[in-house]
Amino acid sequence: PPFTGNGMSMALQSAECALPFLVAYSQNHIDWKQTLSSMEQALHQRFQSRLRWAGMLQNMLLSSFWQTPLKILISSGIAPLQPLFHLTRN
């Protein structure tokens, strides 16, 4: 979802997650299947919360049902914008 923040930062964070497994593969410590499985698990663990929150936020922002309540919350200053921002950038 586009509300997950900077795509480039996610790309760099993904590379950081993958690096130890790629190094282990390059040194013949693990095979390619284990490398892929380990990277997938690490990426899922790293981004699952961020993507879940971003998906929910996107659904709410694009839903006609939620648009009026969200406008009221945002214009009144009640909406927890700062916490939502951080939840989609962890």
N, C-alpha and C. Protein backbone atom coordinates (compact mmCIF):
# COMPACT_ATOMS: atom_id res chain seq x y z
N PRO A 1 0.83 -1.20 0.00
CA PRO A 1 0.00 0.00 0.00
C PRO A 1 0.87 1.26 0.00
N PRO A 2 0.41 2.32 -0.63
CA PRO A 2 1.23 3.53 -0.71
C PRO A 2 1.45 4.21 0.63
N PHE A 3 0.71 3.84 1.66
CA PHE A 3 0.85 4.49 2.96
C PHE A 3 1.92 3.86 3.83
N THR A 4 2.76 2.99 3.25
CA THR A 4 3.84 2.37 4.02
C THR A 4 5.07 3.25 4.11
N GLY A 5 5.06 4.36 3.42
CA GLY A 5 6.20 5.26 3.51
C GLY A 5 7.09 5.17 2.30
N ASN A 6 8.30 5.59 2.46
CA ASN A 6 9.27 5.68 1.38
C ASN A 6 9.65 4.29 0.87
N GLY A 7 9.35 4.03 -0.40
CA GLY A 7 9.68 2.73 -0.99
C GLY A 7 11.17 2.45 -1.00
N MET A 8 11.98 3.49 -1.15
CA MET A 8 13.42 3.29 -1.16
C MET A 8 13.91 2.84 0.20
N SER A 9 13.34 3.36 1.27
CA SER A 9 13.77 2.92 2.60
C SER A 9 13.39 1.45 2.81
N MET A 10 12.22 1.04 2.30
CA MET A 10 11.85 -0.37 2.41
C MET A 10 12.80 -1.25 1.61
N ALA A 11 13.23 -0.76 0.46
CA ALA A 11 14.19 -1.53 -0.35
C ALA A 11 15.50 -1.71 0.39
N LEU A 12 15.99 -0.64 1.00
CA LEU A 12 17.25 -0.73 1.76
C LEU A 12 17.09 -1.61 2.99
N GLN A 13 15.96 -1.52 3.68
CA GLN A 13 15.71 -2.37 4.84
C GLN A 13 15.59 -3.84 4.41
N SER A 14 15.01 -4.09 3.24
CA SER A 14 14.92 -5.46 2.72
C SER A 14 16.31 -6.01 2.44
N ALA A 15 17.15 -5.19 1.85
CA ALA A 15 18.52 -5.63 1.57
C ALA A 15 19.26 -5.95 2.87
N GLU A 16 19.03 -5.13 3.88
CA GLU A 16 19.66 -5.38 5.18
C GLU A 16 19.20 -6.71 5.77
N CYS A 17 17.93 -7.02 5.62
CA CYS A 17 17.39 -8.30 6.11
C CYS A 17 17.98 -9.49 5.34
N ALA A 18 18.15 -9.32 4.04
CA ALA A 18 18.61 -10.41 3.20
C ALA A 18 20.11 -10.67 3.30
N LEU A 19 20.87 -9.67 3.63
CA LEU A 19 22.33 -9.76 3.59
C LEU A 19 22.93 -10.95 4.34
N PRO A 20 22.56 -11.21 5.60
CA PRO A 20 23.20 -12.33 6.30
C PRO A 20 22.96 -13.67 5.62
N PHE A 21 21.79 -13.84 5.03
CA PHE A 21 21.47 -15.11 4.38
C PHE A 21 22.20 -15.24 3.05
N LEU A 22 22.37 -14.12 2.35
CA LEU A 22 23.11 -14.16 1.09
C LEU A 22 24.60 -14.40 1.35
N VAL A 23 25.11 -13.83 2.43
CA VAL A 23 26.51 -14.08 2.80
C VAL A 23 26.69 -15.56 3.16
N ALA A 24 25.77 -16.10 3.95
CA ALA A 24 25.86 -17.52 4.32
C ALA A 24 25.79 -18.41 3.08
N TYR A 25 24.93 -18.06 2.13
CA TYR A 25 24.84 -18.83 0.88
C TYR A 25 26.15 -18.73 0.09
N SER A 26 26.69 -17.53 0.00
CA SER A 26 27.91 -17.34 -0.79
C SER A 26 29.11 -18.08 -0.18
N GLN A 27 29.02 -18.37 1.11
CA GLN A 27 30.09 -19.11 1.79
C GLN A 27 29.76 -20.59 1.91
N ASN A 28 28.72 -21.03 1.19
CA ASN A 28 28.29 -22.44 1.17
C ASN A 28 27.87 -22.97 2.53
N HIS A 29 27.35 -22.09 3.39
CA HIS A 29 26.86 -22.54 4.70
C HIS A 29 25.41 -23.00 4.63
N ILE A 30 24.65 -22.46 3.68
CA ILE A 30 23.27 -22.87 3.47
C ILE A 30 23.01 -22.95 1.96
N ASP A 31 22.01 -23.77 1.60
CA ASP A 31 21.69 -23.90 0.17
C ASP A 31 20.72 -22.79 -0.25
N TRP A 32 20.45 -22.74 -1.56
CA TRP A 32 19.63 -21.66 -2.09
C TRP A 32 18.19 -21.73 -1.56
N LYS A 33 17.66 -22.93 -1.45
CA LYS A 33 16.28 -23.07 -0.94
C LYS A 33 16.18 -22.53 0.48
N GLN A 34 17.14 -22.85 1.32
CA GLN A 34 17.16 -22.33 2.70
C GLN A 34 17.39 -20.82 2.71
N THR A 35 18.20 -20.33 1.79
CA THR A 35 18.44 -18.89 1.69
C THR A 35 17.13 -18.15 1.41
N LEU A 36 16.40 -18.63 0.40
CA LEU A 36 15.13 -17.99 0.05
C LEU A 36 14.12 -18.08 1.19
N SER A 37 14.03 -19.23 1.80
CA SER A 37 13.09 -19.43 2.91
C SER A 37 13.43 -18.51 4.08
N SER A 38 14.70 -18.42 4.42
CA SER A 38 15.14 -17.57 5.53
C SER A 38 14.90 -16.10 5.24
N MET A 39 15.19 -15.69 4.00
CA MET A 39 14.96 -14.28 3.63
C MET A 39 13.47 -13.96 3.67
N GLU A 40 12.64 -14.87 3.16
CA GLU A 40 11.20 -14.64 3.17
C GLU A 40 10.68 -14.49 4.60
N GLN A 41 11.15 -15.34 5.49
CA GLN A 41 10.73 -15.28 6.90
C GLN A 41 11.20 -13.97 7.55
N ALA A 42 12.42 -13.57 7.28
CA ALA A 42 12.95 -12.33 7.86
C ALA A 42 12.20 -11.11 7.34
N LEU A 43 11.89 -11.10 6.05
CA LEU A 43 11.16 -9.98 5.46
C LEU A 43 9.72 -9.92 6.00
N HIS A 44 9.12 -11.08 6.14
CA HIS A 44 7.76 -11.12 6.70
C HIS A 44 7.76 -10.57 8.12
N GLN A 45 8.71 -11.00 8.91
CA GLN A 45 8.80 -10.54 10.30
C GLN A 45 9.07 -9.03 10.34
N ARG A 46 9.92 -8.55 9.46
CA ARG A 46 10.31 -7.14 9.46
C ARG A 46 9.16 -6.21 9.05
N PHE A 47 8.36 -6.65 8.06
CA PHE A 47 7.38 -5.74 7.47
C PHE A 47 5.92 -6.07 7.73
N GLN A 48 5.61 -7.19 8.39
CA GLN A 48 4.21 -7.59 8.51
C GLN A 48 3.35 -6.56 9.22
N SER A 49 3.82 -6.01 10.30
CA SER A 49 3.03 -5.03 11.04
C SER A 49 2.84 -3.76 10.22
N ARG A 50 3.91 -3.29 9.64
CA ARG A 50 3.86 -2.07 8.82
C ARG A 50 2.88 -2.21 7.67
N LEU A 51 2.94 -3.34 6.97
CA LEU A 51 2.06 -3.56 5.83
C LEU A 51 0.60 -3.76 6.26
N ARG A 52 0.40 -4.41 7.39
CA ARG A 52 -0.96 -4.61 7.90
C ARG A 52 -1.60 -3.25 8.22
N TRP A 53 -0.88 -2.41 8.96
CA TRP A 53 -1.40 -1.09 9.31
C TRP A 53 -1.63 -0.24 8.07
N ALA A 54 -0.70 -0.28 7.14
CA ALA A 54 -0.84 0.51 5.91
C ALA A 54 -2.04 0.03 5.10
N GLY A 55 -2.26 -1.26 5.04
CA GLY A 55 -3.41 -1.80 4.33
C GLY A 55 -4.72 -1.36 4.95
N MET A 56 -4.80 -1.42 6.26
CA MET A 56 -6.02 -0.97 6.95
C MET A 56 -6.25 0.52 6.74
N LEU A 57 -5.18 1.29 6.85
CA LEU A 57 -5.29 2.74 6.66
C LEU A 57 -5.72 3.06 5.23
N GLN A 58 -5.14 2.39 4.27
CA GLN A 58 -5.51 2.61 2.87
C GLN A 58 -6.99 2.29 2.65
N ASN A 59 -7.45 1.16 3.18
CA ASN A 59 -8.85 0.79 3.03
C ASN A 59 -9.78 1.84 3.64
N MET A 60 -9.41 2.36 4.79
CA MET A 60 -10.23 3.39 5.42
C MET A 60 -10.22 4.69 4.62
N LEU A 61 -9.05 5.11 4.17
CA LEU A 61 -8.94 6.37 3.43
C LEU A 61 -9.66 6.34 2.09
N LEU A 62 -9.72 5.18 1.48
CA LEU A 62 -10.35 5.06 0.17
C LEU A 62 -11.82 4.64 0.24
N SER A 63 -12.29 4.33 1.42
CA SER A 63 -13.68 3.91 1.61
C SER A 63 -14.59 5.11 1.77
N SER A 64 -15.66 5.15 1.00
CA SER A 64 -16.61 6.26 1.13
C SER A 64 -17.27 6.25 2.51
N PHE A 65 -17.41 5.09 3.12
CA PHE A 65 -17.99 4.98 4.45
C PHE A 65 -17.19 5.74 5.49
N TRP A 66 -15.86 5.68 5.41
CA TRP A 66 -14.98 6.27 6.42
C TRP A 66 -14.58 7.72 6.12
N GLN A 67 -14.82 8.22 4.94
CA GLN A 67 -14.32 9.55 4.57
C GLN A 67 -14.87 10.66 5.45
N THR A 68 -16.17 10.68 5.71
CA THR A 68 -16.74 11.74 6.56
C THR A 68 -16.25 11.64 8.00
N PRO A 69 -16.30 10.44 8.64
CA PRO A 69 -15.77 10.37 10.01
C PRO A 69 -14.29 10.75 10.09
N LEU A 70 -13.51 10.35 9.10
CA LEU A 70 -12.08 10.70 9.11
C LEU A 70 -11.87 12.20 8.96
N LYS A 71 -12.66 12.85 8.11
CA LYS A 71 -12.56 14.30 7.96
C LYS A 71 -12.86 14.99 9.28
N ILE A 72 -13.87 14.52 9.98
CA ILE A 72 -14.23 15.11 11.27
C ILE A 72 -13.10 14.91 12.29
N LEU A 73 -12.58 13.69 12.36
CA LEU A 73 -11.49 13.39 13.31
C LEU A 73 -10.25 14.22 13.00
N ILE A 74 -9.91 14.32 11.73
CA ILE A 74 -8.70 15.05 11.34
C ILE A 74 -8.88 16.55 11.57
N SER A 75 -10.02 17.09 11.15
CA SER A 75 -10.23 18.54 11.31
C SER A 75 -10.36 18.96 12.77
N SER A 76 -10.83 18.04 13.63
CA SER A 76 -10.95 18.37 15.05
C SER A 76 -9.65 18.12 15.81
N GLY A 77 -8.67 17.52 15.16
CA GLY A 77 -7.40 17.24 15.81
C GLY A 77 -7.41 16.00 16.69
N ILE A 78 -8.47 15.21 16.58
CA ILE A 78 -8.59 14.00 17.41
C ILE A 78 -7.88 12.80 16.78
N ALA A 79 -7.77 12.80 15.47
CA ALA A 79 -7.17 11.66 14.77
C ALA A 79 -5.73 11.45 15.23
N PRO A 80 -5.36 10.20 15.53
CA PRO A 80 -3.99 9.91 15.99
C PRO A 80 -3.01 9.82 14.82
N LEU A 81 -2.78 10.95 14.16
CA LEU A 81 -1.96 10.94 12.95
C LEU A 81 -0.51 10.54 13.21
N GLN A 82 0.08 11.07 14.27
CA GLN A 82 1.48 10.75 14.56
C GLN A 82 1.69 9.26 14.84
N PRO A 83 0.85 8.65 15.71
CA PRO A 83 1.01 7.19 15.92
C PRO A 83 0.79 6.38 14.64
N LEU A 84 -0.20 6.76 13.84
CA LEU A 84 -0.44 6.05 12.58
C LEU A 84 0.76 6.18 11.64
N PHE A 85 1.35 7.35 11.60
CA PHE A 85 2.54 7.57 10.78
C PHE A 85 3.64 6.59 11.21
N HIS A 86 3.87 6.48 12.50
CA HIS A 86 4.93 5.59 12.98
C HIS A 86 4.61 4.13 12.77
N LEU A 87 3.34 3.74 12.90
CA LEU A 87 2.95 2.35 12.67
C LEU A 87 3.18 1.92 11.23
N THR A 88 3.10 2.86 10.31
CA THR A 88 3.32 2.53 8.90
C THR A 88 4.77 2.74 8.46
N ARG A 89 5.64 3.01 9.39
CA ARG A 89 7.05 3.22 9.06
C ARG A 89 8.00 2.39 9.92
N ASN A 90 7.50 1.47 10.69
CA ASN A 90 8.35 0.61 11.55
C ASN A 90 9.02 -0.46 10.73
